N, C-alpha and C. Protein backbone atom coordinates (compact mmCIF):
# COMPACT_ATOMS: atom_id res chain seq x y z
N MET A 1 87.89 109.64 51.29
CA MET A 1 87.31 109.86 52.60
C MET A 1 86.15 108.89 52.84
N LYS A 2 85.38 108.60 51.81
CA LYS A 2 84.25 107.70 51.98
C LYS A 2 84.71 106.30 52.37
N LYS A 3 85.78 105.83 51.71
CA LYS A 3 86.28 104.49 52.02
C LYS A 3 86.79 104.43 53.45
N TYR A 4 87.49 105.46 53.86
CA TYR A 4 88.01 105.50 55.23
C TYR A 4 86.86 105.37 56.22
N GLU A 5 85.83 106.18 56.05
CA GLU A 5 84.69 106.17 56.97
C GLU A 5 83.99 104.81 56.96
N PHE A 6 83.85 104.23 55.76
CA PHE A 6 83.20 102.93 55.61
C PHE A 6 83.94 101.87 56.42
N PHE A 7 85.26 101.78 56.24
CA PHE A 7 86.03 100.75 56.93
C PHE A 7 86.19 101.06 58.42
N ALA A 8 86.23 102.32 58.80
CA ALA A 8 86.31 102.68 60.21
C ALA A 8 85.03 102.24 60.94
N GLU A 9 83.89 102.41 60.29
CA GLU A 9 82.62 101.97 60.89
C GLU A 9 82.56 100.46 60.98
N LEU A 10 83.02 99.78 59.93
CA LEU A 10 83.00 98.31 59.95
C LEU A 10 83.91 97.75 61.04
N ALA A 11 85.02 98.38 61.28
CA ALA A 11 85.96 97.89 62.29
C ALA A 11 85.32 97.91 63.68
N GLU A 12 84.36 98.78 63.89
CA GLU A 12 83.68 98.89 65.18
C GLU A 12 82.45 97.99 65.28
N LYS A 13 82.00 97.49 64.15
CA LYS A 13 80.76 96.73 64.09
C LYS A 13 81.00 95.25 64.44
N PRO A 14 80.16 94.64 65.27
CA PRO A 14 80.33 93.22 65.58
C PRO A 14 80.16 92.36 64.31
N MET A 15 80.89 91.27 64.24
CA MET A 15 80.88 90.43 63.04
C MET A 15 79.49 89.88 62.72
N ASN A 16 78.66 89.63 63.71
CA ASN A 16 77.34 89.08 63.42
C ASN A 16 76.40 90.10 62.77
N LYS A 17 76.83 91.36 62.68
CA LYS A 17 76.02 92.41 62.03
C LYS A 17 76.52 92.71 60.61
N TRP A 18 77.58 92.07 60.17
CA TRP A 18 78.14 92.32 58.83
C TRP A 18 77.30 91.61 57.78
N THR A 19 77.16 92.24 56.63
CA THR A 19 76.48 91.61 55.49
C THR A 19 77.54 90.91 54.63
N ASP A 20 77.07 90.03 53.75
CA ASP A 20 77.99 89.35 52.84
C ASP A 20 78.68 90.35 51.92
N LYS A 21 77.96 91.38 51.52
CA LYS A 21 78.53 92.41 50.64
C LYS A 21 79.67 93.15 51.35
N GLN A 22 79.48 93.48 52.62
CA GLN A 22 80.53 94.16 53.39
C GLN A 22 81.76 93.27 53.53
N LYS A 23 81.55 91.98 53.74
CA LYS A 23 82.68 91.04 53.84
C LYS A 23 83.42 90.97 52.51
N GLU A 24 82.66 90.91 51.42
CA GLU A 24 83.28 90.83 50.09
C GLU A 24 84.09 92.09 49.78
N LEU A 25 83.53 93.27 50.08
CA LEU A 25 84.25 94.52 49.85
C LEU A 25 85.53 94.60 50.69
N THR A 26 85.44 94.14 51.92
CA THR A 26 86.61 94.14 52.79
C THR A 26 87.68 93.20 52.26
N ARG A 27 87.28 92.00 51.85
CA ARG A 27 88.22 91.03 51.31
C ARG A 27 88.89 91.56 50.05
N THR A 28 88.11 92.17 49.16
CA THR A 28 88.63 92.71 47.90
C THR A 28 89.63 93.83 48.16
N GLU A 29 89.27 94.77 49.03
CA GLU A 29 90.15 95.90 49.32
C GLU A 29 91.40 95.44 50.06
N ALA A 30 91.26 94.47 50.94
CA ALA A 30 92.42 93.93 51.67
C ALA A 30 93.40 93.28 50.69
N ASP A 31 92.88 92.56 49.72
CA ASP A 31 93.74 91.95 48.70
C ASP A 31 94.50 93.01 47.91
N LYS A 32 93.82 94.10 47.55
CA LYS A 32 94.46 95.19 46.81
C LYS A 32 95.59 95.83 47.60
N LYS A 33 95.40 95.94 48.92
CA LYS A 33 96.37 96.61 49.78
C LYS A 33 97.41 95.66 50.35
N GLY A 34 97.31 94.36 50.02
CA GLY A 34 98.29 93.39 50.50
C GLY A 34 98.09 92.98 51.95
N ILE A 35 96.88 93.10 52.45
CA ILE A 35 96.58 92.71 53.83
C ILE A 35 96.16 91.25 53.83
N LYS A 36 96.87 90.44 54.60
CA LYS A 36 96.57 89.00 54.70
C LYS A 36 95.44 88.79 55.69
N MET A 37 94.49 87.95 55.30
CA MET A 37 93.37 87.64 56.17
C MET A 37 93.46 86.18 56.57
N ASN A 38 93.38 85.90 57.87
CA ASN A 38 93.43 84.54 58.39
C ASN A 38 92.00 84.00 58.46
N PRO A 39 91.67 83.02 57.64
CA PRO A 39 90.29 82.51 57.63
C PRO A 39 89.90 81.79 58.93
N ASN A 40 90.87 81.39 59.75
CA ASN A 40 90.58 80.71 61.01
C ASN A 40 90.28 81.69 62.15
N CYS A 41 90.54 82.95 61.92
CA CYS A 41 90.32 83.98 62.95
C CYS A 41 88.86 84.43 62.91
N PRO A 42 88.18 84.45 64.06
CA PRO A 42 86.77 84.86 64.05
C PRO A 42 86.58 86.36 63.76
N ASP A 43 87.62 87.16 63.98
CA ASP A 43 87.51 88.60 63.74
C ASP A 43 88.40 89.07 62.60
N CYS A 44 88.72 88.19 61.66
CA CYS A 44 89.65 88.56 60.59
C CYS A 44 89.12 89.72 59.75
N TYR A 45 87.82 89.78 59.54
CA TYR A 45 87.27 90.88 58.74
C TYR A 45 87.36 92.21 59.49
N ARG A 46 87.07 92.17 60.78
CA ARG A 46 87.18 93.40 61.57
C ARG A 46 88.63 93.87 61.63
N ASP A 47 89.55 92.93 61.79
CA ASP A 47 90.97 93.28 61.81
C ASP A 47 91.40 93.91 60.49
N ALA A 48 90.94 93.31 59.39
CA ALA A 48 91.28 93.84 58.06
C ALA A 48 90.65 95.22 57.88
N ALA A 49 89.41 95.41 58.33
CA ALA A 49 88.75 96.70 58.21
C ALA A 49 89.50 97.77 59.01
N ALA A 50 89.99 97.41 60.18
CA ALA A 50 90.75 98.36 61.00
C ALA A 50 92.06 98.74 60.29
N GLN A 51 92.74 97.75 59.72
CA GLN A 51 93.98 98.03 58.99
C GLN A 51 93.71 98.91 57.77
N LEU A 52 92.62 98.63 57.07
CA LEU A 52 92.26 99.44 55.90
C LEU A 52 91.93 100.88 56.31
N ALA A 53 91.22 101.03 57.42
CA ALA A 53 90.89 102.38 57.89
C ALA A 53 92.16 103.15 58.21
N ILE A 54 93.13 102.48 58.81
CA ILE A 54 94.40 103.15 59.12
C ILE A 54 95.12 103.56 57.84
N LEU A 55 95.14 102.67 56.85
CA LEU A 55 95.80 102.99 55.58
C LEU A 55 95.11 104.10 54.81
N LEU A 56 93.78 104.16 54.91
CA LEU A 56 93.00 105.11 54.12
C LEU A 56 92.71 106.42 54.86
N ARG A 57 93.15 106.49 56.12
CA ARG A 57 92.88 107.70 56.91
C ARG A 57 93.51 108.90 56.21
N PRO A 58 92.76 109.98 56.08
CA PRO A 58 93.32 111.18 55.44
C PRO A 58 94.48 111.71 56.26
N ALA A 59 95.47 112.19 55.56
CA ALA A 59 96.65 112.75 56.23
C ALA A 59 96.27 114.02 56.96
N GLU A 60 96.79 114.14 58.17
CA GLU A 60 96.54 115.35 58.95
C GLU A 60 97.38 116.47 58.36
N LYS A 61 96.74 117.57 58.06
CA LYS A 61 97.46 118.71 57.49
C LYS A 61 97.78 119.70 58.60
N GLY A 62 98.86 120.39 58.42
CA GLY A 62 99.22 121.43 59.37
C GLY A 62 98.33 122.64 59.17
N ALA A 63 98.25 123.47 60.19
CA ALA A 63 97.47 124.69 60.10
C ALA A 63 98.17 125.64 59.14
N SER A 64 97.39 126.33 58.33
CA SER A 64 97.99 127.19 57.31
C SER A 64 97.36 128.57 57.33
N ALA A 65 98.22 129.58 57.16
CA ALA A 65 97.76 130.96 57.02
C ALA A 65 98.65 131.61 55.97
N GLY A 66 98.15 131.66 54.77
CA GLY A 66 98.93 132.24 53.69
C GLY A 66 100.18 131.43 53.41
N VAL A 67 101.33 132.05 53.58
CA VAL A 67 102.59 131.38 53.29
C VAL A 67 103.17 130.67 54.52
N TYR A 68 102.52 130.75 55.66
CA TYR A 68 102.98 130.08 56.88
C TYR A 68 102.12 128.85 57.14
N GLU A 69 102.79 127.75 57.51
CA GLU A 69 102.06 126.53 57.86
C GLU A 69 102.74 125.88 59.06
N LEU A 70 101.98 125.71 60.15
CA LEU A 70 102.52 125.09 61.36
C LEU A 70 102.58 123.58 61.20
N ARG A 71 103.44 122.96 61.99
CA ARG A 71 103.51 121.51 62.02
C ARG A 71 102.18 120.97 62.55
N PRO A 72 101.75 119.82 62.04
CA PRO A 72 100.48 119.24 62.49
C PRO A 72 100.47 118.98 64.00
N GLY A 73 99.41 119.39 64.66
CA GLY A 73 99.22 119.14 66.08
C GLY A 73 99.98 120.06 67.02
N LEU A 74 100.69 121.04 66.49
CA LEU A 74 101.46 121.95 67.34
C LEU A 74 100.52 122.82 68.17
N ASP A 75 100.74 122.83 69.48
CA ASP A 75 99.94 123.65 70.39
C ASP A 75 100.81 123.92 71.62
N ILE A 76 101.42 125.11 71.66
CA ILE A 76 102.32 125.46 72.75
C ILE A 76 102.03 126.87 73.24
N THR A 77 102.57 127.19 74.40
CA THR A 77 102.53 128.56 74.91
C THR A 77 103.95 129.10 74.83
N LEU A 78 104.10 130.21 74.13
CA LEU A 78 105.41 130.83 73.92
C LEU A 78 105.54 132.02 74.86
N HIS A 79 106.57 132.00 75.71
CA HIS A 79 106.83 133.09 76.65
C HIS A 79 108.03 133.88 76.14
N SER A 80 107.84 135.19 75.99
CA SER A 80 108.92 136.06 75.54
C SER A 80 108.95 137.29 76.43
N TYR A 81 110.13 137.59 77.00
CA TYR A 81 110.25 138.78 77.85
C TYR A 81 109.94 140.05 77.09
N LYS A 82 110.36 140.07 75.85
CA LYS A 82 110.23 141.27 75.03
C LYS A 82 108.83 141.44 74.43
N HIS A 83 108.20 140.32 74.07
CA HIS A 83 106.94 140.39 73.32
C HIS A 83 105.71 139.88 74.07
N GLY A 84 105.89 139.23 75.21
CA GLY A 84 104.74 138.75 75.97
C GLY A 84 104.54 137.25 75.82
N VAL A 85 103.32 136.81 76.09
CA VAL A 85 102.97 135.39 76.06
C VAL A 85 102.01 135.16 74.89
N PHE A 86 102.28 134.10 74.13
CA PHE A 86 101.45 133.76 72.97
C PHE A 86 101.05 132.30 73.04
N ARG A 87 99.87 132.00 72.56
CA ARG A 87 99.48 130.61 72.34
C ARG A 87 99.70 130.34 70.87
N VAL A 88 100.54 129.37 70.57
CA VAL A 88 100.88 129.03 69.19
C VAL A 88 100.14 127.75 68.83
N CYS A 89 99.14 127.87 67.97
CA CYS A 89 98.36 126.70 67.54
C CYS A 89 97.59 127.07 66.28
N ALA A 90 96.89 126.10 65.72
CA ALA A 90 96.14 126.31 64.49
C ALA A 90 95.08 127.39 64.64
N ALA A 91 94.44 127.45 65.79
CA ALA A 91 93.36 128.41 66.00
C ALA A 91 93.84 129.86 66.01
N THR A 92 95.10 130.09 66.37
CA THR A 92 95.60 131.46 66.48
C THR A 92 96.54 131.84 65.34
N LEU A 93 96.74 130.94 64.39
CA LEU A 93 97.68 131.22 63.31
C LEU A 93 97.12 132.21 62.29
N THR A 94 97.83 133.32 62.14
CA THR A 94 97.60 134.28 61.07
C THR A 94 99.00 134.68 60.60
N GLU A 95 99.08 135.33 59.45
CA GLU A 95 100.40 135.76 58.97
C GLU A 95 101.02 136.73 59.97
N GLU A 96 100.22 137.65 60.49
CA GLU A 96 100.73 138.63 61.45
C GLU A 96 101.24 137.94 62.72
N ASN A 97 100.46 136.98 63.24
CA ASN A 97 100.90 136.26 64.44
C ASN A 97 102.16 135.45 64.17
N ALA A 98 102.24 134.83 63.02
CA ALA A 98 103.42 134.04 62.68
C ALA A 98 104.68 134.92 62.70
N ARG A 99 104.57 136.11 62.15
CA ARG A 99 105.72 137.04 62.17
C ARG A 99 106.07 137.44 63.61
N LYS A 100 105.05 137.69 64.45
CA LYS A 100 105.28 138.04 65.86
C LYS A 100 105.96 136.88 66.59
N TRP A 101 105.47 135.66 66.36
CA TRP A 101 106.03 134.49 67.03
C TRP A 101 107.50 134.30 66.67
N LEU A 102 107.81 134.48 65.40
CA LEU A 102 109.21 134.35 64.97
C LEU A 102 110.08 135.43 65.61
N ALA A 103 109.56 136.65 65.67
CA ALA A 103 110.30 137.74 66.31
C ALA A 103 110.49 137.49 67.80
N ALA A 104 109.53 136.78 68.41
CA ALA A 104 109.61 136.48 69.84
C ALA A 104 110.50 135.27 70.13
N GLY A 105 111.01 134.62 69.08
CA GLY A 105 111.94 133.52 69.29
C GLY A 105 111.43 132.13 68.98
N LEU A 106 110.25 132.00 68.36
CA LEU A 106 109.76 130.67 67.98
C LEU A 106 110.70 130.08 66.93
N PRO A 107 111.20 128.87 67.13
CA PRO A 107 112.10 128.28 66.15
C PRO A 107 111.40 128.04 64.80
N GLU A 108 112.13 128.24 63.73
CA GLU A 108 111.57 128.05 62.39
C GLU A 108 111.16 126.61 62.16
N ARG A 109 111.76 125.66 62.87
CA ARG A 109 111.43 124.24 62.68
C ARG A 109 109.98 123.92 63.08
N TYR A 110 109.31 124.84 63.77
CA TYR A 110 107.92 124.63 64.14
C TYR A 110 106.98 124.87 62.96
N PHE A 111 107.52 125.35 61.87
CA PHE A 111 106.74 125.59 60.67
C PHE A 111 107.10 124.57 59.60
N VAL A 112 106.11 124.12 58.89
CA VAL A 112 106.32 123.23 57.75
C VAL A 112 106.65 124.07 56.53
N LYS A 113 106.00 125.23 56.45
CA LYS A 113 106.17 126.10 55.29
C LYS A 113 106.28 127.54 55.76
N MET A 114 107.25 128.26 55.16
CA MET A 114 107.46 129.67 55.47
C MET A 114 107.84 130.38 54.19
N PRO A 115 107.70 131.72 54.16
CA PRO A 115 108.15 132.45 52.97
C PRO A 115 109.68 132.41 52.90
N LYS A 116 110.18 132.42 51.68
CA LYS A 116 111.63 132.47 51.51
C LYS A 116 112.13 133.87 51.75
N ALA A 117 113.24 133.98 52.46
CA ALA A 117 113.78 135.30 52.82
C ALA A 117 114.40 136.00 51.65
């Protein structure tokens, strides 16, 4: 996480504010990750820092409640004649709600992880 934040900040920083140490760290990490740097480009270090930040960005995890885990970024309104209206998202996920949503017709594919039947 520290490396991600470091390179994300550098990618936003103008080149005239970079230190030699920051350039060296960027060049070293870019070499490790196979990122080619064009020495003729005035923003090659910023470009490399942006690519490194993308590579090092922590993976987004799905919302989890016990044995149920929603797909990352899922946020929908579920309408069911029998059970009512539900907001399905990370903020409202509990084991009880997950069971209600499934009973109301939420497709199982909206979950990354579920208990085995």
